[in-house]
Amino acid sequence: MKIEIITIGDELLIGQIVNTNSAWMAAELTTQGFGVDAMTTVGDAPGDLLAALDTAFARADILLLTGGVGPTRDDRTKETLCRYFDCPLILNEEVLQHIEQLFQSRKATLNSLTRDQALVPSKATVIPNRVGTAPLLWFRKGAQLLVSMPGVPLEMQTAMREEIMPRLSATFRQKAYLRRDYLVGGYSESALATHLSSFEDQLPASFSLAYLPTYGIIRLRLSAWGEEHTATMEQQGKHLRELLGSHCLSESNQMVEQLLGELLQEKRFTLSTAESCTGGYIAHLITSVAGASGHFTGSVVAYDNHIKEILLQVE
């Protein structure tokens, strides 16, 4: 079973908005036993989406779409889906009632553009959007499936968790996703890859080892799909840990600032920082972790040499 995510909107293609929807959906699907095979981003032009649908349906079983279902003229996903599935837009009374109740609760005036969000493709199964006005649309094309959702992250995430994931789990077979994470320090990416070359050579074909370098730290991800690989994962994970030795800072997906906070709390130590060229970035990383006030007392950012001499007594 193959899944493709299609995100829609000119704002994504010009970099005005960072496409966080694809990453969030992929992570959510993976934890539930559904692997994502492809991600596509297209603009608002109907022709671009039609071409993307042709390509996606040729290689995927499930298509998950976000975006282009709002009330404005640049939101064209519904009309494009009508063209693709050869069906008209029809008024859905339940959706209209939901929209009216939503506006009443907000003491807002319902305009014709928002009312038109109750128009849905006749071939779609309509799923309510609890936190917004644009409904979720569920299409079947033989054994294949297409789901259209709003592009607003809160609405999409609520829809995925409350409506879409339960339906996917009830309809399609999942596979267990097995994963081991390692936080590694003291290696460059190429040096670590050289060190682990023999380990990678002996890995079963169903396993993969990924390198994710960042700020002097490398995250390793050992992964495989299928519960039948559980014992092998345990064996290979242990072998990898032994090869990493003291360079392995943690067997988790945590970053250094999280590990530092846990260590300081465990030892009941406190930490202060003095920064120059990093401009407070170290303090930012430390305080980005919940509970940092329990071990981080504060920071001084001294950039000018005169300030360094006065505040930090640096000569």
C-alpha atoms as a PDB file:
ATOM      1  CA  MET A   1       0.000   0.000   0.000  1.00  0.00           C
ATOM      2  CA  LYS A   2       1.426   3.367  -1.081  1.00  0.00           C
ATOM      3  CA  ILE A   3       0.480   6.796   0.266  1.00  0.00           C
ATOM      4  CA  GLU A   4       1.075  10.183  -1.334  1.00  0.00           C
ATOM      5  CA  ILE A   5       0.588  13.567   0.321  1.00  0.00           C
ATOM      6  CA  ILE A   6      -0.372  16.485  -1.933  1.00  0.00           C
ATOM      7  CA  THR A   7      -0.222  19.990  -0.474  1.00  0.00           C
ATOM      8  CA  ILE A   8      -1.852  22.790  -2.454  1.00  0.00           C
ATOM      9  CA  GLY A   9      -1.200  26.522  -2.534  1.00  0.00           C
ATOM     10  CA  ASP A  10       0.872  29.140  -4.344  1.00  0.00           C
ATOM     11  CA  GLU A  11       2.049  30.381  -0.940  1.00  0.00           C
ATOM     12  CA  LEU A  12       3.940  27.107  -0.478  1.00  0.00           C
ATOM     13  CA  LEU A  13       5.678  27.296  -3.853  1.00  0.00           C
ATOM     14  CA  ILE A  14       6.928  30.860  -3.368  1.00  0.00           C
ATOM     15  CA  GLY A  15       8.158  30.164   0.166  1.00  0.00           C
ATOM     16  CA  GLN A  16       5.739  32.557   1.839  1.00  0.00           C
ATOM     17  CA  ILE A  17       4.584  29.785   4.163  1.00  0.00           C
ATOM     18  CA  VAL A  18       6.669  26.826   5.328  1.00  0.00           C
ATOM     19  CA  ASN A  19       5.009  23.526   4.445  1.00  0.00           C
ATOM     20  CA  THR A  20       4.652  22.016   7.911  1.00  0.00           C
ATOM     21  CA  ASN A  21       1.571  19.989   6.968  1.00  0.00           C
ATOM     22  CA  SER A  22       3.502  17.363   5.009  1.00  0.00           C
ATOM     23  CA  ALA A  23       5.979  16.756   7.836  1.00  0.00           C
ATOM     24  CA  TRP A  24       3.257  16.533  10.477  1.00  0.00           C
ATOM     25  CA  MET A  25       1.116  14.172   8.416  1.00  0.00           C
ATOM     26  CA  ALA A  26       4.056  11.918   7.584  1.00  0.00           C
ATOM     27  CA  ALA A  27       5.037  11.632  11.251  1.00  0.00           C
ATOM     28  CA  GLU A  28       1.449  10.903  12.296  1.00  0.00           C
ATOM     29  CA  LEU A  29       0.962   8.296   9.582  1.00  0.00           C
ATOM     30  CA  THR A  30       4.264   6.598  10.365  1.00  0.00           C
ATOM     31  CA  THR A  31       3.480   6.210  14.063  1.00  0.00           C
ATOM     32  CA  GLN A  32       0.172   4.598  13.090  1.00  0.00           C
ATOM     33  CA  GLY A  33       1.813   2.074  10.760  1.00  0.00           C
ATOM     34  CA  PHE A  34       1.298   3.829   7.426  1.00  0.00           C
ATOM     35  CA  GLY A  35       4.383   4.668   5.368  1.00  0.00           C
ATOM     36  CA  VAL A  36       4.426   7.724   3.099  1.00  0.00           C
ATOM     37  CA  ASP A  37       5.928   7.055  -0.325  1.00  0.00           C
ATOM     38  CA  ALA A  38       5.757  10.488  -1.969  1.00  0.00           C
ATOM     39  CA  MET A  39       5.025  14.155  -1.272  1.00  0.00           C
ATOM     40  CA  THR A  40       3.939  16.649  -3.922  1.00  0.00           C
ATOM     41  CA  THR A  41       3.306  20.382  -3.692  1.00  0.00           C
ATOM     42  CA  VAL A  42       1.354  22.205  -6.394  1.00  0.00           C
ATOM     43  CA  GLY A  43      -0.001  25.714  -6.838  1.00  0.00           C
ATOM     44  CA  ASP A  44      -3.613  26.800  -6.964  1.00  0.00           C
ATOM     45  CA  ALA A  45      -3.985  26.450 -10.756  1.00  0.00           C
ATOM     46  CA  PRO A  46      -6.512  23.660 -11.518  1.00  0.00           C
ATOM     47  CA  GLY A  47      -4.381  22.241 -14.322  1.00  0.00           C
ATOM     48  CA  ASP A  48      -1.456  21.686 -11.972  1.00  0.00           C
ATOM     49  CA  LEU A  49      -3.596  19.780  -9.489  1.00  0.00           C
ATOM     50  CA  LEU A  50      -5.212  17.690 -12.244  1.00  0.00           C
ATOM     51  CA  ALA A  51      -1.764  16.669 -13.498  1.00  0.00           C
ATOM     52  CA  ALA A  52      -0.628  15.871  -9.955  1.00  0.00           C
ATOM     53  CA  LEU A  53      -3.698  13.687  -9.398  1.00  0.00           C
ATOM     54  CA  ASP A  54      -3.008  11.720 -12.582  1.00  0.00           C
ATOM     55  CA  THR A  55       0.571  11.110 -11.475  1.00  0.00           C
ATOM     56  CA  ALA A  56      -0.358  10.251  -7.899  1.00  0.00           C
ATOM     57  CA  PHE A  57      -3.164   7.840  -8.785  1.00  0.00           C
ATOM     58  CA  ALA A  58      -0.735   6.027 -11.108  1.00  0.00           C
ATOM     59  CA  ARG A  59       1.591   5.202  -8.210  1.00  0.00           C
ATOM     60  CA  ALA A  60      -0.332   5.458  -4.920  1.00  0.00           C
ATOM     61  CA  ASP A  61      -3.268   3.755  -3.228  1.00  0.00           C
ATOM     62  CA  ILE A  62      -4.115   6.625  -0.870  1.00  0.00           C
ATOM     63  CA  LEU A  63      -3.940  10.330  -1.714  1.00  0.00           C
ATOM     64  CA  LEU A  64      -4.131  12.843   1.137  1.00  0.00           C
ATOM     65  CA  LEU A  65      -4.714  16.440   0.028  1.00  0.00           C
ATOM     66  CA  THR A  66      -4.533  19.628   2.077  1.00  0.00           C
ATOM     67  CA  GLY A  67      -5.326  23.157   0.994  1.00  0.00           C
ATOM     68  CA  GLY A  68      -7.416  25.067  -1.503  1.00  0.00           C
ATOM     69  CA  VAL A  69     -10.807  24.517   0.143  1.00  0.00           C
ATOM     70  CA  GLY A  70     -11.344  27.960   1.675  1.00  0.00           C
ATOM     71  CA  PRO A  71     -14.003  30.517   0.669  1.00  0.00           C
ATOM     72  CA  THR A  72     -11.925  32.767  -1.621  1.00  0.00           C
ATOM     73  CA  ARG A  73     -11.420  32.714  -5.393  1.00  0.00           C
ATOM     74  CA  ASP A  74      -7.938  31.262  -5.168  1.00  0.00           C
ATOM     75  CA  ASP A  75      -9.337  28.188  -3.387  1.00  0.00           C
ATOM     76  CA  ARG A  76     -10.100  25.872  -6.295  1.00  0.00           C
ATOM     77  CA  THR A  77      -9.620  22.357  -4.978  1.00  0.00           C
ATOM     78  CA  LYS A  78     -13.325  21.432  -4.802  1.00  0.00           C
ATOM     79  CA  GLU A  79     -14.014  22.567  -8.349  1.00  0.00           C
ATOM     80  CA  THR A  80     -10.921  20.728  -9.592  1.00  0.00           C
ATOM     81  CA  LEU A  81     -12.002  17.531  -7.842  1.00  0.00           C
ATOM     82  CA  CYS A  82     -15.402  17.888  -9.521  1.00  0.00           C
ATOM     83  CA  ARG A  83     -13.632  18.004 -12.888  1.00  0.00           C
ATOM     84  CA  TYR A  84     -11.472  15.017 -12.012  1.00  0.00           C
ATOM     85  CA  PHE A  85     -14.329  12.830 -10.761  1.00  0.00           C
ATOM     86  CA  ASP A  86     -16.813  14.216 -13.327  1.00  0.00           C
ATOM     87  CA  CYS A  87     -19.481  15.365 -10.896  1.00  0.00           C
ATOM     88  CA  PRO A  88     -21.240  18.624  -9.928  1.00  0.00           C
ATOM     89  CA  LEU A  89     -21.187  20.621  -6.721  1.00  0.00           C
ATOM     90  CA  ILE A  90     -24.302  20.112  -4.597  1.00  0.00           C
ATOM     91  CA  LEU A  91     -25.514  21.732  -1.399  1.00  0.00           C
ATOM     92  CA  ASN A  92     -24.963  19.662   1.739  1.00  0.00           C
ATOM     93  CA  GLU A  93     -27.541  20.726   4.312  1.00  0.00           C
ATOM     94  CA  GLU A  94     -25.633  19.242   7.269  1.00  0.00           C
ATOM     95  CA  VAL A  95     -22.516  21.209   6.385  1.00  0.00           C
ATOM     96  CA  LEU A  96     -24.564  24.383   5.947  1.00  0.00           C
ATOM     97  CA  GLN A  97     -26.192  23.876   9.346  1.00  0.00           C
ATOM     98  CA  HIS A  98     -22.772  23.358  10.939  1.00  0.00           C
ATOM     99  CA  ILE A  99     -21.468  26.573   9.346  1.00  0.00           C
ATOM    100  CA  GLU A 100     -24.507  28.546  10.504  1.00  0.00           C
ATOM    101  CA  GLN A 101     -24.161  27.246  14.061  1.00  0.00           C
ATOM    102  CA  LEU A 102     -20.451  28.025  14.054  1.00  0.00           C
ATOM    103  CA  PHE A 103     -21.092  31.629  13.020  1.00  0.00           C
ATOM    104  CA  GLN A 104     -23.893  32.007  15.535  1.00  0.00           C
ATOM    105  CA  SER A 105     -21.600  30.838  18.330  1.00  0.00           C
ATOM    106  CA  ARG A 106     -19.056  33.454  17.244  1.00  0.00           C
ATOM    107  CA  LYS A 107     -21.767  36.108  16.869  1.00  0.00           C
ATOM    108  CA  ALA A 108     -20.522  36.712  13.336  1.00  0.00           C
ATOM    109  CA  THR A 109     -22.426  37.440  10.129  1.00  0.00           C
ATOM    110  CA  LEU A 110     -22.466  34.617   7.586  1.00  0.00           C
ATOM    111  CA  ASN A 111     -21.655  35.834   4.067  1.00  0.00           C
ATOM    112  CA  SER A 112     -22.303  34.127   0.734  1.00  0.00           C
ATOM    113  CA  LEU A 113     -18.678  33.066   0.238  1.00  0.00           C
ATOM    114  CA  THR A 114     -18.614  31.133   3.494  1.00  0.00           C
ATOM    115  CA  ARG A 115     -22.081  29.717   2.807  1.00  0.00           C
ATOM    116  CA  ASP A 116     -20.725  28.310  -0.460  1.00  0.00           C
ATOM    117  CA  GLN A 117     -18.395  26.076   1.546  1.00  0.00           C
ATOM    118  CA  ALA A 118     -21.458  23.868   2.044  1.00  0.00           C
ATOM    119  CA  LEU A 119     -21.277  23.078  -1.696  1.00  0.00           C
ATOM    120  CA  VAL A 120     -19.533  19.721  -2.083  1.00  0.00           C
ATOM    121  CA  PRO A 121     -18.748  17.342  -4.980  1.00  0.00           C
ATOM    122  CA  SER A 122     -21.673  14.950  -5.382  1.00  0.00           C
ATOM    123  CA  LYS A 123     -19.426  11.864  -5.495  1.00  0.00           C
ATOM    124  CA  ALA A 124     -17.688  12.675  -2.209  1.00  0.00           C
ATOM    125  CA  THR A 125     -18.505  11.235   1.179  1.00  0.00           C
ATOM    126  CA  VAL A 126     -18.674  14.289   3.430  1.00  0.00           C
ATOM    127  CA  ILE A 127     -17.016  14.191   6.856  1.00  0.00           C
ATOM    128  CA  PRO A 128     -17.670  17.048   9.311  1.00  0.00           C
ATOM    129  CA  ASN A 129     -14.908  19.506  10.168  1.00  0.00           C
ATOM    130  CA  ARG A 130     -15.425  20.094  13.878  1.00  0.00           C
ATOM    131  CA  VAL A 131     -13.184  23.151  14.125  1.00  0.00           C
ATOM    132  CA  GLY A 132     -13.738  24.848  10.771  1.00  0.00           C
ATOM    133  CA  THR A 133     -16.143  25.544   7.933  1.00  0.00           C
ATOM    134  CA  ALA A 134     -14.624  23.505   5.086  1.00  0.00           C
ATOM    135  CA  PRO A 135     -15.764  19.851   5.239  1.00  0.00           C
ATOM    136  CA  LEU A 136     -13.517  16.857   4.696  1.00  0.00           C
ATOM    137  CA  LEU A 137     -14.100  15.041   1.396  1.00  0.00           C
ATOM    138  CA  TRP A 138     -13.603  11.276   1.014  1.00  0.00           C
ATOM    139  CA  PHE A 139     -13.525   9.859  -2.541  1.00  0.00           C
ATOM    140  CA  ARG A 140     -13.206   6.252  -3.663  1.00  0.00           C
ATOM    141  CA  LYS A 141     -11.772   5.414  -7.084  1.00  0.00           C
ATOM    142  CA  GLY A 142     -12.048   1.655  -7.296  1.00  0.00           C
ATOM    143  CA  ALA A 143      -9.692   0.327  -4.636  1.00  0.00           C
ATOM    144  CA  GLN A 144      -7.962   3.710  -4.326  1.00  0.00           C
ATOM    145  CA  LEU A 145      -8.802   6.540  -1.956  1.00  0.00           C
ATOM    146  CA  LEU A 146      -8.532  10.334  -2.019  1.00  0.00           C
ATOM    147  CA  VAL A 147      -9.116  12.517   1.034  1.00  0.00           C
ATOM    148  CA  SER A 148      -9.277  16.317   0.822  1.00  0.00           C
ATOM    149  CA  MET A 149      -8.699  18.373   3.979  1.00  0.00           C
ATOM    150  CA  PRO A 150      -8.248  22.062   4.841  1.00  0.00           C
ATOM    151  CA  GLY A 151      -4.741  23.484   4.746  1.00  0.00           C
ATOM    152  CA  VAL A 152      -5.076  25.284   8.094  1.00  0.00           C
ATOM    153  CA  PRO A 153      -2.781  23.197  10.357  1.00  0.00           C
ATOM    154  CA  LEU A 154      -5.150  23.072  13.347  1.00  0.00           C
ATOM    155  CA  GLU A 155      -8.059  21.946  11.173  1.00  0.00           C
ATOM    156  CA  MET A 156      -5.957  19.398   9.296  1.00  0.00           C
ATOM    157  CA  GLN A 157      -4.441  17.937  12.466  1.00  0.00           C
ATOM    158  CA  THR A 158      -7.824  17.674  14.178  1.00  0.00           C
ATOM    159  CA  ALA A 159      -9.281  16.022  11.080  1.00  0.00           C
ATOM    160  CA  MET A 160      -6.429  13.535  10.844  1.00  0.00           C
ATOM    161  CA  ARG A 161      -6.563  12.511  14.495  1.00  0.00           C
ATOM    162  CA  GLU A 162     -10.322  12.425  14.990  1.00  0.00           C
ATOM    163  CA  GLU A 163     -11.652  11.386  11.584  1.00  0.00           C
ATOM    164  CA  ILE A 164      -9.139  10.269   8.977  1.00  0.00           C
ATOM    165  CA  MET A 165      -6.734   8.056  10.942  1.00  0.00           C
ATOM    166  CA  PRO A 166      -9.527   5.971  12.545  1.00  0.00           C
ATOM    167  CA  ARG A 167     -11.069   5.427   9.102  1.00  0.00           C
ATOM    168  CA  LEU A 168      -7.747   4.492   7.518  1.00  0.00           C
ATOM    169  CA  SER A 169      -7.002   2.058  10.340  1.00  0.00           C
ATOM    170  CA  ALA A 170     -10.401   0.415   9.901  1.00  0.00           C
ATOM    171  CA  THR A 171     -10.059   0.183   6.110  1.00  0.00           C
ATOM    172  CA  PHE A 172      -6.407  -0.598   5.411  1.00  0.00           C
ATOM    173  CA  ARG A 173      -3.824  -2.908   6.925  1.00  0.00           C
ATOM    174  CA  GLN A 174      -1.020  -1.292   8.896  1.00  0.00           C
ATOM    175  CA  LYS A 175       2.566  -2.465   9.344  1.00  0.00           C
ATOM    176  CA  ALA A 176       4.581  -1.921  12.494  1.00  0.00           C
ATOM    177  CA  TYR A 177       7.293   0.710  12.135  1.00  0.00           C
ATOM    178  CA  LEU A 178      10.415  -0.315  14.040  1.00  0.00           C
ATOM    179  CA  ARG A 179      12.930   2.386  14.857  1.00  0.00           C
ATOM    180  CA  ARG A 180      15.995   3.015  16.976  1.00  0.00           C
ATOM    181  CA  ASP A 181      17.502   6.501  17.398  1.00  0.00           C
ATOM    182  CA  TYR A 182      21.033   7.410  18.447  1.00  0.00           C
ATOM    183  CA  LEU A 183      22.463  10.856  19.175  1.00  0.00           C
ATOM    184  CA  VAL A 184      26.145  10.844  18.230  1.00  0.00           C
ATOM    185  CA  GLY A 185      28.897  13.380  18.940  1.00  0.00           C
ATOM    186  CA  GLY A 186      32.583  13.642  18.063  1.00  0.00           C
ATOM    187  CA  TYR A 187      32.267  12.521  14.443  1.00  0.00           C
ATOM    188  CA  SER A 188      31.859  14.241  11.125  1.00  0.00           C
ATOM    189  CA  GLU A 189      29.171  12.692   8.944  1.00  0.00           C
ATOM    190  CA  SER A 190      31.660  11.124   6.539  1.00  0.00           C
ATOM    191  CA  ALA A 191      33.892   9.841   9.350  1.00  0.00           C
ATOM    192  CA  LEU A 192      30.916   8.218  11.063  1.00  0.00           C
ATOM    193  CA  ALA A 193      29.774   6.650   7.795  1.00  0.00           C
ATOM    194  CA  THR A 194      33.262   5.236   7.279  1.00  0.00           C
ATOM    195  CA  HIS A 195      33.283   3.849  10.817  1.00  0.00           C
ATOM    196  CA  LEU A 196      29.910   2.161  10.256  1.00  0.00           C
ATOM    197  CA  SER A 197      30.574   0.945   6.717  1.00  0.00           C
ATOM    198  CA  SER A 198      30.912  -2.727   7.700  1.00  0.00           C
ATOM    199  CA  PHE A 199      27.783  -2.489   9.841  1.00  0.00           C
ATOM    200  CA  GLU A 200      25.789  -1.150   6.912  1.00  0.00           C
ATOM    201  CA  ASP A 201      27.168  -3.872   4.633  1.00  0.00           C
ATOM    202  CA  GLN A 202      25.723  -6.616   6.839  1.00  0.00           C
ATOM    203  CA  LEU A 203      22.308  -4.987   7.405  1.00  0.00           C
ATOM    204  CA  PRO A 204      19.354  -6.978   6.037  1.00  0.00           C
ATOM    205  CA  ALA A 205      17.805  -5.470   2.909  1.00  0.00           C
ATOM    206  CA  SER A 206      14.648  -4.552   4.826  1.00  0.00           C
ATOM    207  CA  PHE A 207      16.630  -2.299   7.203  1.00  0.00           C
ATOM    208  CA  SER A 208      17.903   1.223   6.598  1.00  0.00           C
ATOM    209  CA  LEU A 209      20.338   3.480   8.444  1.00  0.00           C
ATOM    210  CA  ALA A 210      19.911   7.243   8.022  1.00  0.00           C
ATOM    211  CA  TYR A 211      22.312  10.052   9.004  1.00  0.00           C
ATOM    212  CA  LEU A 212      20.856  13.420  10.071  1.00  0.00           C
ATOM    213  CA  PRO A 213      23.653  15.905  10.904  1.00  0.00           C
ATOM    214  CA  THR A 214      22.981  19.171  12.741  1.00  0.00           C
ATOM    215  CA  TYR A 215      25.168  21.612  14.706  1.00  0.00           C
ATOM    216  CA  GLY A 216      28.029  19.210  15.363  1.00  0.00           C
ATOM    217  CA  ILE A 217      25.672  16.407  16.343  1.00  0.00           C
ATOM    218  CA  ILE A 218      24.537  13.498  14.176  1.00  0.00           C
ATOM    219  CA  ARG A 219      21.271  11.686  14.694  1.00  0.00           C
ATOM    220  CA  LEU A 220      21.245   8.102  13.479  1.00  0.00           C
ATOM    221  CA  ARG A 221      17.979   6.348  12.658  1.00  0.00           C
ATOM    222  CA  LEU A 222      17.889   2.583  12.251  1.00  0.00           C
ATOM    223  CA  SER A 223      14.509   1.502  10.917  1.00  0.00           C
ATOM    224  CA  ALA A 224      12.485  -1.293   9.349  1.00  0.00           C
ATOM    225  CA  TRP A 225       8.842  -1.995   8.547  1.00  0.00           C
ATOM    226  CA  GLY A 226       7.141  -5.124   9.848  1.00  0.00           C
ATOM    227  CA  GLU A 227       6.687  -6.723  13.247  1.00  0.00           C
ATOM    228  CA  GLU A 228       8.479  -9.824  11.976  1.00  0.00           C
ATOM    229  CA  HIS A 229      11.760  -7.877  12.190  1.00  0.00           C
ATOM    230  CA  THR A 230      11.470  -7.139  15.929  1.00  0.00           C
ATOM    231  CA  ALA A 231      14.112  -9.637  17.054  1.00  0.00           C
ATOM    232  CA  THR A 232      16.516  -8.602  14.303  1.00  0.00           C
ATOM    233  CA  MET A 233      16.021  -4.941  15.200  1.00  0.00           C
ATOM    234  CA  GLU A 234      16.939  -5.695  18.797  1.00  0.00           C
ATOM    235  CA  GLN A 235      20.084  -7.502  17.673  1.00  0.00           C
ATOM    236  CA  GLN A 236      21.157  -4.885  15.123  1.00  0.00           C
ATOM    237  CA  GLY A 237      20.375  -2.010  17.488  1.00  0.00           C
ATOM    238  CA  LYS A 238      22.560  -3.519  20.199  1.00  0.00           C
ATOM    239  CA  HIS A 239      25.380  -4.075  17.699  1.00  0.00           C
ATOM    240  CA  LEU A 240      25.189  -0.462  16.510  1.00  0.00           C
ATOM    241  CA  ARG A 241      25.227   0.851  20.066  1.00  0.00           C
ATOM    242  CA  GLU A 242      28.398  -1.103  20.791  1.00  0.00           C
ATOM    243  CA  LEU A 243      30.087   0.288  17.672  1.00  0.00           C
ATOM    244  CA  LEU A 244      29.280   3.866  18.681  1.00  0.00           C
ATOM    245  CA  GLY A 245      30.796   3.447  22.140  1.00  0.00           C
ATOM    246  CA  SER A 246      31.280   6.656  24.127  1.00  0.00           C
ATOM    247  CA  HIS A 247      30.319   8.744  21.078  1.00  0.00           C
ATOM    248  CA  CYS A 248      26.680   7.773  21.662  1.00  0.00           C
ATOM    249  CA  LEU A 249      25.193  10.561  23.761  1.00  0.00           C
ATOM    250  CA  SER A 250      21.730   9.067  23.903  1.00  0.00           C
ATOM    251  CA  GLU A 251      19.600   6.258  22.511  1.00  0.00           C
ATOM    252  CA  SER A 252      16.691   8.550  21.763  1.00  0.00           C
ATOM    253  CA  ASN A 253      15.481  11.200  19.355  1.00  0.00           C
ATOM    254  CA  GLN A 254      16.164  13.932  21.911  1.00  0.00           C
ATOM    255  CA  MET A 255      18.441  16.841  21.149  1.00  0.00           C
ATOM    256  CA  VAL A 256      21.402  17.970  23.261  1.00  0.00           C
ATOM    257  CA  GLU A 257      19.463  20.732  25.024  1.00  0.00           C
ATOM    258  CA  GLN A 258      16.897  18.188  26.229  1.00  0.00           C
ATOM    259  CA  LEU A 259      19.569  15.806  27.472  1.00  0.00           C
ATOM    260  CA  LEU A 260      21.396  18.666  29.185  1.00  0.00           C
ATOM    261  CA  GLY A 261      18.240  19.713  31.022  1.00  0.00           C
ATOM    262  CA  GLU A 262      17.563  16.187  32.233  1.00  0.00           C
ATOM    263  CA  LEU A 263      21.151  15.784  33.418  1.00  0.00           C
ATOM    264  CA  LEU A 264      21.132  19.100  35.289  1.00  0.00           C
ATOM    265  CA  GLN A 265      17.867  18.234  37.019  1.00  0.00           C
ATOM    266  CA  GLU A 266      19.127  14.776  37.913  1.00  0.00           C
ATOM    267  CA  LYS A 267      22.332  16.209  39.437  1.00  0.00           C
ATOM    268  CA  ARG A 268      20.456  19.192  40.919  1.00  0.00           C
ATOM    269  CA  PHE A 269      22.891  21.551  39.229  1.00  0.00           C
ATOM    270  CA  THR A 270      22.128  24.983  37.808  1.00  0.00           C
ATOM    271  CA  LEU A 271      23.599  26.572  34.700  1.00  0.00           C
ATOM    272  CA  SER A 272      24.386  30.114  33.562  1.00  0.00           C
ATOM    273  CA  THR A 273      25.808  31.079  30.178  1.00  0.00           C
ATOM    274  CA  ALA A 274      27.864  33.932  28.773  1.00  0.00           C
ATOM    275  CA  GLU A 275      27.749  34.314  24.999  1.00  0.00           C
ATOM    276  CA  SER A 276      29.289  36.494  22.348  1.00  0.00           C
ATOM    277  CA  CYS A 277      29.098  35.499  18.677  1.00  0.00           C
ATOM    278  CA  THR A 278      26.241  33.065  19.319  1.00  0.00           C
ATOM    279  CA  GLY A 279      24.127  36.075  20.321  1.00  0.00           C
ATOM    280  CA  GLY A 280      22.057  34.265  22.928  1.00  0.00           C
ATOM    281  CA  TYR A 281      21.349  31.230  20.774  1.00  0.00           C
ATOM    282  CA  ILE A 282      22.627  28.787  23.392  1.00  0.00           C
ATOM    283  CA  ALA A 283      20.280  30.295  25.971  1.00  0.00           C
ATOM    284  CA  HIS A 284      17.476  30.094  23.419  1.00  0.00           C
ATOM    285  CA  LEU A 285      18.068  26.367  22.914  1.00  0.00           C
ATOM    286  CA  ILE A 286      18.165  25.694  26.648  1.00  0.00           C
ATOM    287  CA  THR A 287      14.985  27.659  27.388  1.00  0.00           C
ATOM    288  CA  SER A 288      13.126  26.095  24.459  1.00  0.00           C
ATOM    289  CA  VAL A 289      12.776  22.962  26.603  1.00  0.00           C
ATOM    290  CA  ALA A 290       9.888  22.927  29.073  1.00  0.00           C
ATOM    291  CA  GLY A 291      11.016  23.152  32.692  1.00  0.00           C
ATOM    292  CA  ALA A 292      14.270  25.002  31.969  1.00  0.00           C
ATOM    293  CA  SER A 293      13.553  27.474  34.777  1.00  0.00           C
ATOM    294  CA  GLY A 294      14.345  24.701  37.229  1.00  0.00           C
ATOM    295  CA  HIS A 295      18.013  24.581  36.250  1.00  0.00           C
ATOM    296  CA  PHE A 296      18.830  27.600  34.043  1.00  0.00           C
ATOM    297  CA  THR A 297      19.503  30.829  35.940  1.00  0.00           C
ATOM    298  CA  GLY A 298      20.177  33.203  33.054  1.00  0.00           C
ATOM    299  CA  SER A 299      22.529  34.422  30.354  1.00  0.00           C
ATOM    300  CA  VAL A 300      24.701  37.397  29.474  1.00  0.00           C
ATOM    301  CA  VAL A 301      25.199  38.315  25.817  1.00  0.00           C
ATOM    302  CA  ALA A 302      28.371  40.405  25.650  1.00  0.00           C
ATOM    303  CA  TYR A 303      29.317  41.251  22.087  1.00  0.00           C
ATOM    304  CA  ASP A 304      31.494  44.339  22.350  1.00  0.00           C
ATOM    305  CA  ASN A 305      34.930  43.809  23.895  1.00  0.00           C
ATOM    306  CA  HIS A 306      34.341  46.647  26.358  1.00  0.00           C
ATOM    307  CA  ILE A 307      31.191  44.935  27.668  1.00  0.00           C
ATOM    308  CA  LYS A 308      33.074  41.648  27.945  1.00  0.00           C
ATOM    309  CA  GLU A 309      35.706  43.315  30.091  1.00  0.00           C
ATOM    310  CA  ILE A 310      33.188  45.062  32.362  1.00  0.00           C
ATOM    311  CA  LEU A 311      30.572  42.342  32.820  1.00  0.00           C
ATOM    312  CA  LEU A 312      32.582  39.169  32.350  1.00  0.00           C
ATOM    313  CA  GLN A 313      36.061  40.366  33.310  1.00  0.00           C
ATOM    314  CA  VAL A 314      37.477  38.969  30.087  1.00  0.00           C
ATOM    315  CA  GLU A 315      40.826  40.461  29.145  1.00  0.00           C
END
